[in-house]
């Protein structure tokens, strides 16, 4: 069983248009099962310019085996390497490494006999509306 793992930028309200450049490095993705087991996916390190990916865009990271199970939390290691806002200023970032999110509602299930596609989706927002920038995360299996 192999799972295709991709990184995407949310198509609406991603705030990617507020940035002239936003260069990051994908380092790892960690998924946590309902019993607390963590699966670390770090098959590759990849430099990614999120402004080039653009709103609604995705970039393929790698294919890997993910143990079957129910996953309730994920953490993304995607540090900022270089960023410039559209007005030319340098943004401040906080809580971006790792950026983590509990999956609300039903767990994300990976079946033993399927070959799903897992997409991690990021958007940007300012903490408290005018503070440092951070990622918001979403997860989806197809």
C-alpha atoms as a PDB file:
ATOM      1  CA  UNK A   1       0.000   0.000   0.000  1.00  0.00           C
ATOM      2  CA  UNK A   2       1.306   3.415  -0.965  1.00  0.00           C
ATOM      3  CA  UNK A   3      -0.066   6.827  -0.095  1.00  0.00           C
ATOM      4  CA  UNK A   4       0.630   9.894  -2.243  1.00  0.00           C
ATOM      5  CA  UNK A   5       1.326  12.861   0.056  1.00  0.00           C
ATOM      6  CA  UNK A   6       0.839  16.432  -1.222  1.00  0.00           C
ATOM      7  CA  UNK A   7       1.004  19.951   0.175  1.00  0.00           C
ATOM      8  CA  UNK A   8      -1.634  22.432  -0.935  1.00  0.00           C
ATOM      9  CA  UNK A   9      -2.588  26.053  -0.397  1.00  0.00           C
ATOM     10  CA  UNK A  10      -6.218  26.597   0.544  1.00  0.00           C
ATOM     11  CA  UNK A  11      -8.170  27.963  -2.405  1.00  0.00           C
ATOM     12  CA  UNK A  12     -10.177  30.613  -0.518  1.00  0.00           C
ATOM     13  CA  UNK A  13      -9.057  32.912   2.274  1.00  0.00           C
ATOM     14  CA  UNK A  14      -5.522  31.525   2.165  1.00  0.00           C
ATOM     15  CA  UNK A  15      -3.988  35.038   2.464  1.00  0.00           C
ATOM     16  CA  UNK A  16      -1.219  33.908   0.109  1.00  0.00           C
ATOM     17  CA  UNK A  17      -1.995  37.041  -1.936  1.00  0.00           C
ATOM     18  CA  UNK A  18      -0.684  39.142   0.989  1.00  0.00           C
ATOM     19  CA  UNK A  19       2.829  37.821   0.268  1.00  0.00           C
ATOM     20  CA  UNK A  20       5.281  38.722  -2.461  1.00  0.00           C
ATOM     21  CA  UNK A  21       7.445  35.712  -1.521  1.00  0.00           C
ATOM     22  CA  UNK A  22       6.922  32.899   0.973  1.00  0.00           C
ATOM     23  CA  UNK A  23       9.691  30.334   0.721  1.00  0.00           C
ATOM     24  CA  UNK A  24       9.494  27.333   3.028  1.00  0.00           C
ATOM     25  CA  UNK A  25      11.112  23.933   3.452  1.00  0.00           C
ATOM     26  CA  UNK A  26       9.019  20.809   3.929  1.00  0.00           C
ATOM     27  CA  UNK A  27      10.775  18.756   6.618  1.00  0.00           C
ATOM     28  CA  UNK A  28       8.220  16.285   7.958  1.00  0.00           C
ATOM     29  CA  UNK A  29       4.611  15.407   8.613  1.00  0.00           C
ATOM     30  CA  UNK A  30       3.573  13.561  11.766  1.00  0.00           C
ATOM     31  CA  UNK A  31       0.251  11.758  12.121  1.00  0.00           C
ATOM     32  CA  UNK A  32      -1.035  10.598  15.513  1.00  0.00           C
ATOM     33  CA  UNK A  33      -3.421   7.653  15.861  1.00  0.00           C
ATOM     34  CA  UNK A  34      -6.325   7.400  18.284  1.00  0.00           C
ATOM     35  CA  UNK A  35      -4.123   5.306  20.602  1.00  0.00           C
ATOM     36  CA  UNK A  36      -1.365   7.973  20.652  1.00  0.00           C
ATOM     37  CA  UNK A  37       1.093   6.325  18.252  1.00  0.00           C
ATOM     38  CA  UNK A  38       2.937   8.870  16.090  1.00  0.00           C
ATOM     39  CA  UNK A  39       3.921   8.105  12.498  1.00  0.00           C
ATOM     40  CA  UNK A  40       6.606  10.456  11.144  1.00  0.00           C
ATOM     41  CA  UNK A  41       6.730  10.968   7.385  1.00  0.00           C
ATOM     42  CA  UNK A  42      10.007  12.569   6.359  1.00  0.00           C
ATOM     43  CA  UNK A  43      10.990  10.740   3.182  1.00  0.00           C
ATOM     44  CA  UNK A  44      12.231  13.945   1.588  1.00  0.00           C
ATOM     45  CA  UNK A  45      13.161  17.529   2.359  1.00  0.00           C
ATOM     46  CA  UNK A  46      11.879  19.961  -0.244  1.00  0.00           C
ATOM     47  CA  UNK A  47      12.068  23.738  -0.715  1.00  0.00           C
ATOM     48  CA  UNK A  48       8.655  25.134  -1.644  1.00  0.00           C
ATOM     49  CA  UNK A  49       7.647  28.678  -2.585  1.00  0.00           C
ATOM     50  CA  UNK A  50       4.030  28.870  -1.427  1.00  0.00           C
ATOM     51  CA  UNK A  51       3.442  32.009  -3.514  1.00  0.00           C
ATOM     52  CA  UNK A  52       4.405  30.023  -6.622  1.00  0.00           C
ATOM     53  CA  UNK A  53       2.052  27.189  -5.587  1.00  0.00           C
ATOM     54  CA  UNK A  54      -0.695  29.811  -5.235  1.00  0.00           C
ATOM     55  CA  UNK A  55      -4.224  29.659  -3.872  1.00  0.00           C
ATOM     56  CA  UNK A  56      -5.797  26.312  -4.721  1.00  0.00           C
ATOM     57  CA  UNK A  57      -2.505  24.841  -5.956  1.00  0.00           C
ATOM     58  CA  UNK A  58      -0.777  21.674  -4.744  1.00  0.00           C
ATOM     59  CA  UNK A  59       2.693  20.193  -4.933  1.00  0.00           C
ATOM     60  CA  UNK A  60       3.438  16.487  -4.685  1.00  0.00           C
ATOM     61  CA  UNK A  61       5.830  15.640  -1.848  1.00  0.00           C
ATOM     62  CA  UNK A  62       6.337  11.855  -2.012  1.00  0.00           C
ATOM     63  CA  UNK A  63       4.683   8.449  -1.911  1.00  0.00           C
ATOM     64  CA  UNK A  64       5.016   6.292   1.177  1.00  0.00           C
ATOM     65  CA  UNK A  65       3.407   3.578   3.203  1.00  0.00           C
ATOM     66  CA  UNK A  66       1.255   4.851   6.063  1.00  0.00           C
ATOM     67  CA  UNK A  67       0.148   2.217   8.559  1.00  0.00           C
ATOM     68  CA  UNK A  68      -3.607   1.605   8.474  1.00  0.00           C
ATOM     69  CA  UNK A  69      -5.502   3.204  11.318  1.00  0.00           C
ATOM     70  CA  UNK A  70      -7.569   6.091  12.601  1.00  0.00           C
ATOM     71  CA  UNK A  71      -5.642   9.356  12.858  1.00  0.00           C
ATOM     72  CA  UNK A  72      -6.807  12.259  15.021  1.00  0.00           C
ATOM     73  CA  UNK A  73      -3.953  14.761  14.910  1.00  0.00           C
ATOM     74  CA  UNK A  74      -1.241  15.899  12.542  1.00  0.00           C
ATOM     75  CA  UNK A  75       1.798  18.152  12.813  1.00  0.00           C
ATOM     76  CA  UNK A  76       3.501  19.830   9.861  1.00  0.00           C
ATOM     77  CA  UNK A  77       7.160  20.854   9.922  1.00  0.00           C
ATOM     78  CA  UNK A  78       7.304  23.616   7.307  1.00  0.00           C
ATOM     79  CA  UNK A  79       9.694  26.334   8.507  1.00  0.00           C
ATOM     80  CA  UNK A  80       9.744  29.712   6.786  1.00  0.00           C
ATOM     81  CA  UNK A  81      13.033  30.383   4.995  1.00  0.00           C
ATOM     82  CA  UNK A  82      12.275  33.752   3.409  1.00  0.00           C
ATOM     83  CA  UNK A  83       9.130  35.863   3.340  1.00  0.00           C
ATOM     84  CA  UNK A  84       8.180  39.313   2.101  1.00  0.00           C
ATOM     85  CA  UNK A  85       4.723  40.835   2.308  1.00  0.00           C
ATOM     86  CA  UNK A  86       3.192  42.447  -0.779  1.00  0.00           C
ATOM     87  CA  UNK A  87       4.024  45.894   0.624  1.00  0.00           C
ATOM     88  CA  UNK A  88       7.722  44.931   0.820  1.00  0.00           C
ATOM     89  CA  UNK A  89       7.867  44.541   4.606  1.00  0.00           C
ATOM     90  CA  UNK A  90       9.138  41.465   6.444  1.00  0.00           C
ATOM     91  CA  UNK A  91       6.431  39.547   8.316  1.00  0.00           C
ATOM     92  CA  UNK A  92       6.839  38.067  11.777  1.00  0.00           C
ATOM     93  CA  UNK A  93       5.892  34.393  12.233  1.00  0.00           C
ATOM     94  CA  UNK A  94       4.939  32.388  15.314  1.00  0.00           C
ATOM     95  CA  UNK A  95       3.897  28.771  15.986  1.00  0.00           C
ATOM     96  CA  UNK A  96       4.827  27.576  12.509  1.00  0.00           C
ATOM     97  CA  UNK A  97       7.210  24.727  13.457  1.00  0.00           C
ATOM     98  CA  UNK A  98       5.486  22.524  14.015  1.00  0.00           C
ATOM     99  CA  UNK A  99       2.054  23.697  13.052  1.00  0.00           C
ATOM    100  CA  UNK A 100      -0.375  21.101  14.392  1.00  0.00           C
ATOM    101  CA  UNK A 101      -4.069  20.445  14.302  1.00  0.00           C
ATOM    102  CA  UNK A 102      -6.444  17.987  15.845  1.00  0.00           C
ATOM    103  CA  UNK A 103      -8.831  16.473  13.364  1.00  0.00           C
ATOM    104  CA  UNK A 104     -12.300  17.347  14.593  1.00  0.00           C
ATOM    105  CA  UNK A 105     -15.200  14.948  14.293  1.00  0.00           C
ATOM    106  CA  UNK A 106     -14.509  11.530  12.855  1.00  0.00           C
ATOM    107  CA  UNK A 107     -10.873  10.421  12.677  1.00  0.00           C
ATOM    108  CA  UNK A 108      -9.102  10.333   9.334  1.00  0.00           C
ATOM    109  CA  UNK A 109      -9.013   6.616   8.443  1.00  0.00           C
ATOM    110  CA  UNK A 110      -6.413   4.897   6.322  1.00  0.00           C
ATOM    111  CA  UNK A 111      -7.553   1.446   5.195  1.00  0.00           C
ATOM    112  CA  UNK A 112      -5.106  -1.454   4.821  1.00  0.00           C
ATOM    113  CA  UNK A 113      -6.177  -2.263   1.259  1.00  0.00           C
ATOM    114  CA  UNK A 114      -6.401   1.242  -0.213  1.00  0.00           C
ATOM    115  CA  UNK A 115      -3.947   3.573  -1.933  1.00  0.00           C
ATOM    116  CA  UNK A 116      -5.229   6.962  -0.779  1.00  0.00           C
ATOM    117  CA  UNK A 117      -4.010  10.449  -1.517  1.00  0.00           C
ATOM    118  CA  UNK A 118      -3.319  12.594   1.552  1.00  0.00           C
ATOM    119  CA  UNK A 119      -3.271  16.355   1.069  1.00  0.00           C
ATOM    120  CA  UNK A 120      -2.108  18.725   3.797  1.00  0.00           C
ATOM    121  CA  UNK A 121      -3.577  22.172   3.124  1.00  0.00           C
ATOM    122  CA  UNK A 122      -2.151  25.404   4.552  1.00  0.00           C
ATOM    123  CA  UNK A 123      -3.460  28.922   4.813  1.00  0.00           C
ATOM    124  CA  UNK A 124      -2.015  31.916   6.621  1.00  0.00           C
ATOM    125  CA  UNK A 125      -3.527  34.135   9.251  1.00  0.00           C
ATOM    126  CA  UNK A 126      -2.424  36.714  11.741  1.00  0.00           C
ATOM    127  CA  UNK A 127      -2.675  35.765  15.400  1.00  0.00           C
ATOM    128  CA  UNK A 128      -5.287  37.987  17.111  1.00  0.00           C
ATOM    129  CA  UNK A 129      -5.889  39.743  13.793  1.00  0.00           C
ATOM    130  CA  UNK A 130      -2.776  41.943  13.890  1.00  0.00           C
ATOM    131  CA  UNK A 131      -0.066  39.820  15.501  1.00  0.00           C
ATOM    132  CA  UNK A 132       2.484  37.470  13.956  1.00  0.00           C
ATOM    133  CA  UNK A 133       1.512  35.248  11.024  1.00  0.00           C
ATOM    134  CA  UNK A 134       0.933  31.516  11.463  1.00  0.00           C
ATOM    135  CA  UNK A 135      -0.318  28.545   9.459  1.00  0.00           C
ATOM    136  CA  UNK A 136      -3.750  27.073   9.697  1.00  0.00           C
ATOM    137  CA  UNK A 137      -3.915  23.464   8.573  1.00  0.00           C
ATOM    138  CA  UNK A 138      -6.392  21.143   6.975  1.00  0.00           C
ATOM    139  CA  UNK A 139      -6.165  17.462   6.061  1.00  0.00           C
ATOM    140  CA  UNK A 140      -7.942  15.387   3.510  1.00  0.00           C
ATOM    141  CA  UNK A 141      -7.869  11.845   2.165  1.00  0.00           C
ATOM    142  CA  UNK A 142      -9.149  10.919  -1.272  1.00  0.00           C
END
